């Protein structure tokens, strides 16, 4: 019985080690084999070997280095066996086999070295613009986040087979693209960084305001996006927009405990109990925003959005909110990052700063935008403006329209409730 318990404990230890080391392991292997799918297979093979050997020999002193050494040796064996890949990998094999056999001690030292560039290259690869946005999100959550295919499918209310196919196609696309699997430099890095940040923010937004399903928020997705943001900060601490994005996510996430009622229905920011806002996350976010602004990134899209969130975070009560400052920031954001959604949020800010009629005028200017045709927040915002202007019958129509096109059950119930408050 004792042996069985020991074996079970060892298996649990292996699983824990792999969760911790998987990103470093895959990042190092991708740099070596130039193939994301193969790197994942080699990492899994190393874990299978550990499951076989560690119950006999015990968990090694440096388990991450042990797994890396096994995976690298398996890769070399594979290169030798496969004559078709010999030419493609000849240079890699020569580099690995040059000089005396390094042994485990050398590998441990190598793994203990800074692997920032390798991890950063993996993130840039998973978020490569050659992939569709959906593929980038799925691959990032799989490779960097370590989520299973089932977890990704459940998070985005998708079919597991669809997500699996999406990930397979993404790996194949990357393999056929002839990528160098290195961190891009100069202008290319700037362009690719925008793709990386977009993916991380998409993940966060899906957690912060779920587009469909029974739950309004999915905190686990927000937490995963924040974790990815912190990884990026550790690898690129001088990038203002990385700091801006992390600041935005930290401040927004601080409001999660107050965003929903016990029954899961939404609570508007103007009605939230601000005592429930996470002050630690707010402090972290404000510090990251200050750093971004110090580095000259005050007018970056994410830094501007973080500054908007900071206006709310600094207000102890709803009445203390500086809506005129928020309206000014949206005016600037509209120039930096023009989009119908920004225009809608700008209309909301102006309505709060200068009255509902101002909001109605602005929202009518953007109502014809194709991107907002089936966007529930548009009629919801218009309904709020009309309600505050005392035009209740018109407000009811807008709230009902918003509920009709919403795909989120909690949001739909909330909007129908608002419609009911408008009377007949």
Protein backbone atom coordinates (compact mmCIF):
# COMPACT_ATOMS: atom_id res chain seq x y z
CA UNK A 1 0.00 0.00 0.00
CA UNK A 2 2.87 2.34 0.92
CA UNK A 3 4.51 1.75 -2.47
CA UNK A 4 1.28 2.62 -4.25
CA UNK A 5 0.95 5.84 -2.24
CA UNK A 6 4.56 6.72 -3.01
CA UNK A 7 3.99 6.09 -6.69
CA UNK A 8 0.87 8.26 -6.65
CA UNK A 9 2.75 11.06 -4.90
CA UNK A 10 5.52 10.83 -7.51
CA UNK A 11 2.97 11.07 -10.33
CA UNK A 12 1.47 14.14 -8.71
CA UNK A 13 4.95 15.62 -8.38
CA UNK A 14 5.62 15.02 -12.08
CA UNK A 15 2.35 16.70 -13.02
CA UNK A 16 3.20 19.69 -10.82
CA UNK A 17 6.71 19.95 -12.28
CA UNK A 18 5.38 19.82 -15.81
CA UNK A 19 2.83 22.56 -15.12
CA UNK A 20 5.64 24.77 -13.85
CA UNK A 21 8.28 23.90 -16.44
CA UNK A 22 6.19 23.28 -19.60
CA UNK A 23 6.47 26.78 -21.05
CA UNK A 24 10.24 26.97 -20.51
CA UNK A 25 10.60 23.44 -21.85
CA UNK A 26 8.55 24.05 -25.00
CA UNK A 27 10.16 27.46 -25.58
CA UNK A 28 13.65 25.94 -25.51
CA UNK A 29 12.63 23.04 -27.75
CA UNK A 30 10.93 25.30 -30.31
CA UNK A 31 14.18 27.25 -30.68
CA UNK A 32 15.98 23.95 -31.23
CA UNK A 33 13.63 22.04 -33.55
CA UNK A 34 11.90 25.00 -35.29
CA UNK A 35 8.52 23.28 -35.01
CA UNK A 36 5.85 24.05 -32.40
CA UNK A 37 4.02 20.73 -32.77
CA UNK A 38 7.22 18.68 -32.54
CA UNK A 39 8.33 20.67 -29.48
CA UNK A 40 5.06 19.81 -27.72
CA UNK A 41 5.44 16.12 -28.62
CA UNK A 42 9.01 16.03 -27.30
CA UNK A 43 7.93 17.68 -24.06
CA UNK A 44 5.14 15.12 -23.61
CA UNK A 45 7.56 12.27 -24.38
CA UNK A 46 9.88 13.56 -21.66
CA UNK A 47 7.01 13.49 -19.16
CA UNK A 48 6.15 9.91 -20.16
CA UNK A 49 9.79 8.96 -19.52
CA UNK A 50 9.66 10.69 -16.13
CA UNK A 51 6.51 8.76 -15.22
CA UNK A 52 8.42 5.58 -15.92
CA UNK A 53 11.74 6.42 -14.23
CA UNK A 54 11.06 8.81 -11.33
CA UNK A 55 9.01 6.32 -9.27
CA UNK A 56 12.18 4.14 -9.29
CA UNK A 57 14.89 6.78 -9.02
CA UNK A 58 13.08 9.61 -7.25
CA UNK A 59 12.50 13.17 -8.45
CA UNK A 60 15.85 14.65 -9.59
CA UNK A 61 17.36 17.72 -7.97
CA UNK A 62 16.63 19.84 -11.07
CA UNK A 63 13.57 18.22 -12.68
CA UNK A 64 13.25 20.91 -15.36
CA UNK A 65 16.77 20.29 -16.61
CA UNK A 66 16.17 16.54 -16.52
CA UNK A 67 13.09 16.89 -18.72
CA UNK A 68 14.94 19.21 -21.10
CA UNK A 69 17.87 16.81 -21.42
CA UNK A 70 15.58 13.85 -22.17
CA UNK A 71 13.62 15.87 -24.73
CA UNK A 72 16.78 17.11 -26.46
CA UNK A 73 18.24 13.61 -26.67
CA UNK A 74 14.94 12.33 -28.07
CA UNK A 75 15.06 15.13 -30.66
CA UNK A 76 18.59 14.18 -31.73
CA UNK A 77 17.59 10.52 -32.02
CA UNK A 78 14.65 11.58 -34.16
CA UNK A 79 16.84 13.65 -36.44
CA UNK A 80 19.17 10.71 -36.92
CA UNK A 81 16.36 8.28 -37.70
CA UNK A 82 14.56 10.48 -40.17
CA UNK A 83 16.64 10.84 -43.31
CA UNK A 84 14.03 13.16 -44.87
CA UNK A 85 14.62 15.73 -42.15
CA UNK A 86 18.40 15.25 -42.08
CA UNK A 87 19.20 18.21 -44.30
CA UNK A 88 16.75 20.52 -42.54
CA UNK A 89 18.20 19.75 -39.11
CA UNK A 90 21.85 19.10 -39.96
CA UNK A 91 23.02 22.42 -38.61
CA UNK A 92 21.08 21.98 -35.38
CA UNK A 93 22.47 18.47 -34.82
CA UNK A 94 26.04 19.65 -35.51
CA UNK A 95 25.66 22.43 -32.96
CA UNK A 96 24.26 20.07 -30.36
CA UNK A 97 26.93 17.41 -30.91
CA UNK A 98 29.91 19.75 -31.25
CA UNK A 99 32.51 19.19 -28.59
CA UNK A 100 32.38 16.73 -25.70
CA UNK A 101 29.08 15.33 -24.38
CA UNK A 102 27.88 18.05 -22.04
CA UNK A 103 26.02 15.67 -19.75
CA UNK A 104 23.31 16.62 -17.30
CA UNK A 105 25.39 19.16 -15.39
CA UNK A 106 25.88 21.27 -18.51
CA UNK A 107 22.21 21.04 -19.42
CA UNK A 108 21.18 22.07 -15.92
CA UNK A 109 23.40 25.13 -16.18
CA UNK A 110 21.92 25.99 -19.56
CA UNK A 111 18.38 25.66 -18.32
CA UNK A 112 19.18 27.83 -15.30
CA UNK A 113 20.35 30.59 -17.68
CA UNK A 114 17.95 33.35 -18.70
CA UNK A 115 15.48 31.87 -21.17
CA UNK A 116 13.69 35.14 -21.66
CA UNK A 117 14.41 35.33 -25.38
CA UNK A 118 13.23 31.74 -25.91
CA UNK A 119 9.98 32.33 -24.02
CA UNK A 120 9.44 35.65 -25.75
CA UNK A 121 10.02 34.02 -29.14
CA UNK A 122 7.40 31.38 -28.28
CA UNK A 123 4.88 34.08 -27.37
CA UNK A 124 5.60 35.98 -30.59
CA UNK A 125 5.27 32.73 -32.54
CA UNK A 126 1.93 31.78 -30.98
CA UNK A 127 0.60 35.28 -31.76
CA UNK A 128 2.05 35.51 -35.27
CA UNK A 129 -0.14 37.56 -37.66
CA UNK A 130 0.04 34.74 -40.22
CA UNK A 131 -2.59 33.04 -38.04
CA UNK A 132 -6.21 34.11 -37.71
CA UNK A 133 -7.16 35.90 -34.50
CA UNK A 134 -9.09 32.84 -33.28
CA UNK A 135 -6.09 30.58 -33.96
CA UNK A 136 -3.73 32.96 -32.15
CA UNK A 137 -5.94 33.00 -29.07
CA UNK A 138 -6.32 29.20 -28.99
CA UNK A 139 -2.61 28.53 -29.56
CA UNK A 140 -1.53 31.08 -26.95
CA UNK A 141 -3.81 29.57 -24.32
CA UNK A 142 -2.55 26.10 -25.23
CA UNK A 143 1.20 26.77 -25.41
CA UNK A 144 1.72 29.62 -22.97
CA UNK A 145 -1.29 29.24 -20.71
CA UNK A 146 -1.14 25.46 -20.55
CA UNK A 147 -4.92 25.13 -20.87
CA UNK A 148 -6.24 21.87 -22.28
CA UNK A 149 -8.26 21.82 -25.49
CA UNK A 150 -11.38 21.12 -23.44
CA UNK A 151 -10.71 24.10 -21.14
CA UNK A 152 -10.24 26.44 -24.11
CA UNK A 153 -13.42 25.13 -25.74
CA UNK A 154 -15.42 25.65 -22.56
CA UNK A 155 -14.00 29.12 -22.02
CA UNK A 156 -15.13 30.26 -25.46
CA UNK A 157 -18.25 28.08 -25.65
CA UNK A 158 -16.86 26.28 -28.67
CA UNK A 159 -16.83 22.64 -29.71
CA UNK A 160 -13.74 20.81 -28.43
CA UNK A 161 -13.14 19.23 -31.85
CA UNK A 162 -13.26 22.68 -33.45
CA UNK A 163 -10.68 24.06 -31.03
CA UNK A 164 -8.46 21.00 -31.52
CA UNK A 165 -8.59 21.41 -35.31
CA UNK A 166 -7.88 25.11 -34.95
CA UNK A 167 -4.75 24.41 -32.91
CA UNK A 168 -3.55 21.69 -35.30
CA UNK A 169 -4.07 23.99 -38.31
CA UNK A 170 -2.26 26.80 -36.51
CA UNK A 171 0.78 24.61 -35.86
CA UNK A 172 0.76 23.45 -39.47
CA UNK A 173 0.51 27.02 -40.73
CA UNK A 174 3.46 28.06 -38.60
CA UNK A 175 5.45 25.05 -39.78
CA UNK A 176 4.80 25.93 -43.43
CA UNK A 177 5.58 29.61 -42.98
CA UNK A 178 9.35 29.15 -42.72
CA UNK A 179 9.59 31.15 -39.49
CA UNK A 180 12.90 31.66 -37.70
CA UNK A 181 11.34 31.25 -34.21
CA UNK A 182 13.31 34.21 -32.93
CA UNK A 183 12.25 37.43 -31.25
CA UNK A 184 11.71 39.96 -34.04
CA UNK A 185 13.66 43.21 -33.96
CA UNK A 186 13.04 46.81 -34.90
CA UNK A 187 9.91 47.65 -36.84
CA UNK A 188 8.92 43.98 -37.21
CA UNK A 189 8.97 43.57 -33.44
CA UNK A 190 6.78 46.65 -33.01
CA UNK A 191 4.26 45.30 -35.52
CA UNK A 192 4.26 41.81 -34.02
CA UNK A 193 4.01 43.17 -30.47
CA UNK A 194 0.67 44.72 -31.38
CA UNK A 195 -0.55 41.23 -32.33
CA UNK A 196 0.68 39.76 -29.04
CA UNK A 197 -1.02 42.45 -26.97
CA UNK A 198 -4.22 42.11 -28.98
CA UNK A 199 -4.40 38.38 -28.22
CA UNK A 200 -3.77 38.86 -24.50
CA UNK A 201 -6.42 41.61 -24.30
CA UNK A 202 -8.93 39.51 -26.25
CA UNK A 203 -8.48 36.75 -23.67
CA UNK A 204 -8.96 39.25 -20.84
CA UNK A 205 -12.04 40.83 -22.42
CA UNK A 206 -13.73 37.48 -22.91
CA UNK A 207 -13.29 36.88 -19.20
CA UNK A 208 -14.35 40.40 -18.21
CA UNK A 209 -17.51 40.48 -20.34
CA UNK A 210 -18.38 37.08 -21.81
CA UNK A 211 -19.89 37.40 -25.27
CA UNK A 212 -22.22 34.43 -24.81
CA UNK A 213 -23.36 31.79 -22.36
CA UNK A 214 -24.82 31.79 -18.86
CA UNK A 215 -22.06 33.69 -17.04
CA UNK A 216 -21.43 37.41 -17.35
CA UNK A 217 -17.79 37.10 -16.32
CA UNK A 218 -15.16 34.34 -16.38
CA UNK A 219 -12.52 35.36 -13.80
CA UNK A 220 -10.21 32.47 -14.74
CA UNK A 221 -9.70 33.91 -18.22
CA UNK A 222 -8.99 37.35 -16.76
CA UNK A 223 -6.44 35.82 -14.41
CA UNK A 224 -4.77 33.95 -17.29
CA UNK A 225 -4.51 37.15 -19.34
CA UNK A 226 -3.04 38.99 -16.35
CA UNK A 227 -0.50 36.20 -15.90
CA UNK A 228 0.48 36.47 -19.57
CA UNK A 229 0.78 40.23 -19.17
CA UNK A 230 3.12 39.80 -16.20
CA UNK A 231 5.24 37.36 -18.19
CA UNK A 232 5.52 39.96 -20.95
CA UNK A 233 6.53 42.64 -18.44
CA UNK A 234 9.27 40.38 -17.13
CA UNK A 235 10.57 39.84 -20.67
CA UNK A 236 10.05 43.38 -22.02
CA UNK A 237 10.10 45.72 -19.00
CA UNK A 238 10.81 48.85 -21.06
CA UNK A 239 7.91 48.50 -23.53
CA UNK A 240 5.34 51.22 -22.63
CA UNK A 241 2.39 49.49 -24.29
CA UNK A 242 3.08 46.22 -22.46
CA UNK A 243 2.99 48.21 -19.23
CA UNK A 244 -0.13 50.00 -20.44
CA UNK A 245 -1.93 46.74 -21.15
CA UNK A 246 -0.97 45.23 -17.79
CA UNK A 247 -2.11 48.43 -16.04
CA UNK A 248 -5.44 48.28 -17.87
CA UNK A 249 -6.04 44.62 -17.00
CA UNK A 250 -5.03 45.01 -13.35
CA UNK A 251 -7.32 48.01 -12.80
CA UNK A 252 -10.23 46.46 -14.69
CA UNK A 253 -9.80 43.16 -12.84
CA UNK A 254 -9.92 45.01 -9.52
CA UNK A 255 -13.65 45.57 -10.13
CA UNK A 256 -14.54 41.92 -10.80
CA UNK A 257 -15.78 41.18 -7.24
CA UNK A 258 -18.25 44.08 -7.51
CA UNK A 259 -19.44 43.59 -11.09
CA UNK A 260 -22.09 40.97 -10.42
CA UNK A 261 -24.86 40.46 -7.87
CA UNK A 262 -25.22 37.15 -5.96
CA UNK A 263 -27.56 35.89 -8.69
CA UNK A 264 -24.95 36.64 -11.38
CA UNK A 265 -26.70 39.69 -12.82
CA UNK A 266 -24.53 42.68 -13.78
CA UNK A 267 -24.03 45.75 -11.59
CA UNK A 268 -23.25 48.97 -13.46
CA UNK A 269 -20.05 50.76 -12.49
CA UNK A 270 -22.10 53.71 -11.26
CA UNK A 271 -23.83 51.41 -8.75
CA UNK A 272 -20.97 49.17 -7.65
CA UNK A 273 -19.82 48.88 -4.04
CA UNK A 274 -16.34 50.37 -4.40
CA UNK A 275 -15.28 48.94 -1.06
CA UNK A 276 -15.23 45.58 -2.87
CA UNK A 277 -12.73 46.79 -5.47
CA UNK A 278 -9.34 45.09 -5.03
CA UNK A 279 -7.01 47.85 -3.86
CA UNK A 280 -3.86 45.74 -4.38
CA UNK A 281 -4.68 45.31 -8.07
CA UNK A 282 -5.45 49.03 -8.33
CA UNK A 283 -2.07 49.93 -6.83
CA UNK A 284 -0.32 47.53 -9.20
CA UNK A 285 -2.19 48.96 -12.15
CA UNK A 286 -1.50 52.58 -11.24
CA UNK A 287 2.20 51.79 -10.77
CA UNK A 288 2.38 50.13 -14.20
CA UNK A 289 0.55 53.09 -15.77
CA UNK A 290 2.93 55.56 -14.16
CA UNK A 291 5.89 53.58 -15.51
CA UNK A 292 4.37 53.51 -19.02
CA UNK A 293 3.85 57.27 -18.93
CA UNK A 294 7.41 57.84 -17.65
CA UNK A 295 8.71 55.87 -20.65
CA UNK A 296 6.83 58.20 -23.00
CA UNK A 297 3.87 55.92 -23.67
CA UNK A 298 1.06 58.07 -22.26
CA UNK A 299 -0.72 58.26 -25.62
CA UNK A 300 -0.44 54.57 -26.48
CA UNK A 301 -3.84 52.86 -26.98
CA UNK A 302 -3.54 50.62 -23.92
CA UNK A 303 -2.02 53.33 -21.71
CA UNK A 304 -4.89 55.65 -22.63
CA UNK A 305 -7.45 52.97 -21.78
CA UNK A 306 -5.59 52.33 -18.51
CA UNK A 307 -5.76 56.06 -17.77
CA UNK A 308 -9.52 55.89 -18.31
CA UNK A 309 -9.80 52.96 -15.89
CA UNK A 310 -7.60 54.86 -13.44
CA UNK A 311 -10.11 57.73 -13.35
CA UNK A 312 -12.68 55.31 -11.95
CA UNK A 313 -10.17 53.62 -9.64
CA UNK A 314 -9.16 56.92 -8.04
CA UNK A 315 -12.78 57.96 -7.38
CA UNK A 316 -13.86 56.79 -3.93
CA UNK A 317 -17.52 57.33 -4.83
CA UNK A 318 -19.42 57.54 -8.10
CA UNK A 319 -19.97 61.27 -7.47
CA UNK A 320 -16.19 61.78 -7.28
CA UNK A 321 -15.70 60.45 -10.82
CA UNK A 322 -14.08 63.03 -13.12
CA UNK A 323 -16.31 62.46 -16.15
CA UNK A 324 -14.98 65.51 -17.98
CA UNK A 325 -11.45 64.07 -17.77
CA UNK A 326 -12.79 60.72 -18.99
CA UNK A 327 -14.49 62.45 -21.92
CA UNK A 328 -11.21 64.20 -22.80
CA UNK A 329 -9.30 60.92 -22.70
CA UNK A 330 -11.87 59.34 -25.02
CA UNK A 331 -11.44 62.26 -27.41
CA UNK A 332 -7.72 61.45 -27.53
CA UNK A 333 -8.26 57.69 -27.76
CA UNK A 334 -10.60 58.22 -30.70
CA UNK A 335 -7.74 59.87 -32.59
CA UNK A 336 -5.16 57.25 -31.61
CA UNK A 337 -7.37 54.17 -32.02
CA UNK A 338 -10.46 55.04 -34.08
CA UNK A 339 -13.24 52.45 -33.89
CA UNK A 340 -17.03 52.37 -33.54
CA UNK A 341 -16.70 50.82 -30.07
CA UNK A 342 -14.46 53.66 -28.92
CA UNK A 343 -16.99 56.11 -30.36
CA UNK A 344 -19.77 54.43 -28.39
CA UNK A 345 -17.82 54.56 -25.13
CA UNK A 346 -16.97 58.19 -25.89
CA UNK A 347 -20.69 58.93 -26.27
CA UNK A 348 -21.35 57.34 -22.86
CA UNK A 349 -18.59 59.41 -21.25
CA UNK A 350 -19.86 62.63 -22.83
CA UNK A 351 -23.40 61.82 -21.68
CA UNK A 352 -22.16 61.51 -18.11
CA UNK A 353 -20.08 64.69 -18.35
CA UNK A 354 -22.47 66.92 -20.31
CA UNK A 355 -25.92 65.31 -20.10
CA UNK A 356 -27.95 62.57 -21.84
CA UNK A 357 -28.92 64.73 -24.83
CA UNK A 358 -25.23 65.06 -25.73
CA UNK A 359 -24.92 61.28 -25.56
CA UNK A 360 -27.95 60.84 -27.79
CA UNK A 361 -26.54 63.19 -30.39
CA UNK A 362 -23.23 61.33 -30.48
CA UNK A 363 -24.75 57.85 -30.48
CA UNK A 364 -27.05 58.76 -33.38
CA UNK A 365 -23.94 59.68 -35.38
CA UNK A 366 -22.51 56.17 -35.03
CA UNK A 367 -25.73 54.13 -35.05
CA UNK A 368 -25.31 53.21 -38.72
CA UNK A 369 -21.86 51.67 -38.27
CA UNK A 370 -21.95 48.14 -39.68
CA UNK A 371 -19.74 46.84 -36.86
CA UNK A 372 -22.35 47.88 -34.29
CA UNK A 373 -25.43 46.59 -36.09
CA UNK A 374 -25.80 43.59 -33.77
CA UNK A 375 -23.83 45.01 -30.85
CA UNK A 376 -26.09 44.95 -27.80
CA UNK A 377 -24.27 47.73 -25.88
CA UNK A 378 -25.30 50.26 -28.55
CA UNK A 379 -29.10 50.13 -28.00
CA UNK A 380 -28.43 49.55 -24.28
CA UNK A 381 -26.48 52.82 -24.09
CA UNK A 382 -29.12 54.66 -26.09
CA UNK A 383 -31.78 53.25 -23.78
CA UNK A 384 -29.87 54.59 -20.78
CA UNK A 385 -29.58 58.06 -22.35
CA UNK A 386 -33.31 58.11 -23.10
CA UNK A 387 -34.15 56.86 -19.60
CA UNK A 388 -32.09 59.62 -18.00
CA UNK A 389 -33.73 62.15 -20.34
CA UNK A 390 -37.17 61.01 -19.13
CA UNK A 391 -38.18 59.50 -22.50
CA UNK A 392 -39.26 56.19 -20.99
CA UNK A 393 -41.29 54.69 -23.85
CA UNK A 394 -38.37 55.16 -26.26
CA UNK A 395 -35.94 53.84 -23.66
CA UNK A 396 -37.99 50.66 -23.26
CA UNK A 397 -37.81 49.98 -27.01
CA UNK A 398 -34.01 50.31 -26.94
CA UNK A 399 -33.56 48.05 -23.91
CA UNK A 400 -35.77 45.40 -25.51
CA UNK A 401 -33.78 45.67 -28.74
CA UNK A 402 -30.53 45.21 -26.80
CA UNK A 403 -31.93 42.15 -25.02
CA UNK A 404 -33.04 40.69 -28.33
CA UNK A 405 -29.57 40.73 -29.86
CA UNK A 406 -27.55 39.91 -26.74
CA UNK A 407 -26.08 36.38 -26.65
CA UNK A 408 -25.33 36.45 -22.93
CA UNK A 409 -28.14 35.14 -20.74
CA UNK A 410 -27.27 37.28 -17.70
CA UNK A 411 -27.01 40.42 -19.81
CA UNK A 412 -30.30 39.64 -21.57
CA UNK A 413 -32.16 39.24 -18.27
CA UNK A 414 -30.63 42.48 -16.97
CA UNK A 415 -31.70 44.43 -20.06
CA UNK A 416 -35.25 43.07 -19.89
CA UNK A 417 -35.33 44.15 -16.27
CA UNK A 418 -34.31 47.66 -17.26
CA UNK A 419 -37.02 47.67 -19.93
CA UNK A 420 -39.56 46.74 -17.27
CA UNK A 421 -38.58 49.77 -15.17
CA UNK A 422 -39.63 52.04 -18.03
CA UNK A 423 -43.33 51.15 -17.64
CA UNK A 424 -45.80 50.73 -20.50
